[in-house]
Amino acid sequence: MKTLDGEVTLTLPAGTSSGSKMRLRGRGVPASSAQPAGDLIANIQIDVPAAPTEEQKELMRQFAATLSKQKVEQKS
């Protein structure tokens, strides 16, 4: 993502959902020339394809099946 200092790469933790926020310490706007930069808050937006291909649909089905198995295992 682009910041005031240039581009940075964000690594999202597993399970991050759209609407989450991440803090990038020291990447925001400085309060003054004598002060260090503040924090930059990144709003996470995850886009799902509007028209997935058949291969993408199959992969989503396989992924959904693994989630169902996890729920069953967690209840045991």
Protein backbone atom coordinates (compact mmCIF):
# COMPACT_ATOMS: atom_id res chain seq x y z
CA MET A 1 0.00 0.00 0.00
CA LYS A 2 1.12 3.57 -0.56
CA THR A 3 2.14 5.68 2.43
CA LEU A 4 3.65 9.15 2.77
CA ASP A 5 7.12 7.54 2.78
CA GLY A 6 6.50 5.24 -0.19
CA GLU A 7 5.02 1.79 -0.61
CA VAL A 8 4.92 -0.85 2.11
CA THR A 9 3.76 -4.44 2.06
CA LEU A 10 1.13 -5.47 4.60
CA THR A 11 0.89 -9.07 5.68
CA LEU A 12 -2.61 -9.79 6.89
CA PRO A 13 -3.01 -12.30 9.70
CA ALA A 14 -5.12 -15.36 8.94
CA GLY A 15 -8.79 -14.64 9.55
CA THR A 16 -8.57 -10.92 8.80
CA SER A 17 -11.96 -9.76 7.53
CA SER A 18 -13.07 -6.81 5.48
CA GLY A 19 -13.58 -3.77 7.68
CA SER A 20 -10.65 -4.62 9.96
CA LYS A 21 -8.09 -1.94 10.74
CA MET A 22 -4.31 -2.23 11.02
CA ARG A 23 -1.95 0.28 12.60
CA LEU A 24 1.29 1.16 10.84
CA ARG A 25 3.37 2.81 13.56
CA GLY A 26 5.31 5.90 12.53
CA ARG A 27 3.92 5.93 8.97
CA GLY A 28 1.41 8.76 9.43
CA VAL A 29 1.66 12.54 9.35
CA PRO A 30 4.21 14.24 11.62
CA ALA A 31 2.71 16.58 14.23
CA SER A 32 5.50 19.10 13.47
CA SER A 33 9.01 19.11 12.08
CA ALA A 34 10.35 18.38 15.57
CA GLN A 35 7.92 15.53 16.24
CA PRO A 36 8.02 11.99 14.85
CA ALA A 37 5.32 10.86 12.45
CA GLY A 38 2.12 9.52 13.92
CA ASP A 39 0.50 6.21 13.10
CA LEU A 40 -1.27 5.41 9.86
CA ILE A 41 -4.46 3.38 10.17
CA ALA A 42 -5.15 1.08 7.23
CA ASN A 43 -8.77 0.08 6.63
CA ILE A 44 -8.83 -3.43 5.18
CA GLN A 45 -11.18 -4.04 2.26
CA ILE A 46 -11.36 -7.55 0.85
CA ASP A 47 -12.99 -7.84 -2.56
CA VAL A 48 -14.51 -11.07 -3.80
CA PRO A 49 -14.78 -11.55 -7.58
CA ALA A 50 -18.24 -10.59 -8.85
CA ALA A 51 -18.14 -13.25 -11.57
CA PRO A 52 -15.81 -16.06 -10.44
CA THR A 53 -14.61 -18.61 -12.97
CA GLU A 54 -15.65 -22.24 -12.65
CA GLU A 55 -12.22 -23.07 -11.24
CA GLN A 56 -12.58 -20.32 -8.61
CA LYS A 57 -16.08 -21.58 -7.70
CA GLU A 58 -14.72 -25.10 -7.23
CA LEU A 59 -11.89 -23.83 -5.04
CA MET A 60 -14.40 -21.88 -2.90
CA ARG A 61 -16.52 -25.05 -2.53
CA GLN A 62 -13.45 -26.99 -1.40
CA PHE A 63 -12.54 -24.24 1.05
CA ALA A 64 -16.11 -24.14 2.42
CA ALA A 65 -15.99 -27.90 2.95
CA THR A 66 -12.86 -27.55 5.09
CA LEU A 67 -14.59 -24.92 7.21
CA SER A 68 -17.51 -27.28 7.84
CA LYS A 69 -15.07 -30.00 8.95
CA GLN A 70 -13.36 -27.55 11.34
CA LYS A 71 -16.67 -26.69 13.00
CA VAL A 72 -17.45 -30.37 13.54
CA GLU A 73 -13.99 -31.01 15.00
CA GLN A 74 -14.27 -28.00 17.34
CA LYS A 75 -17.59 -29.28 18.74
CA SER A 76 -16.08 -32.69 19.57
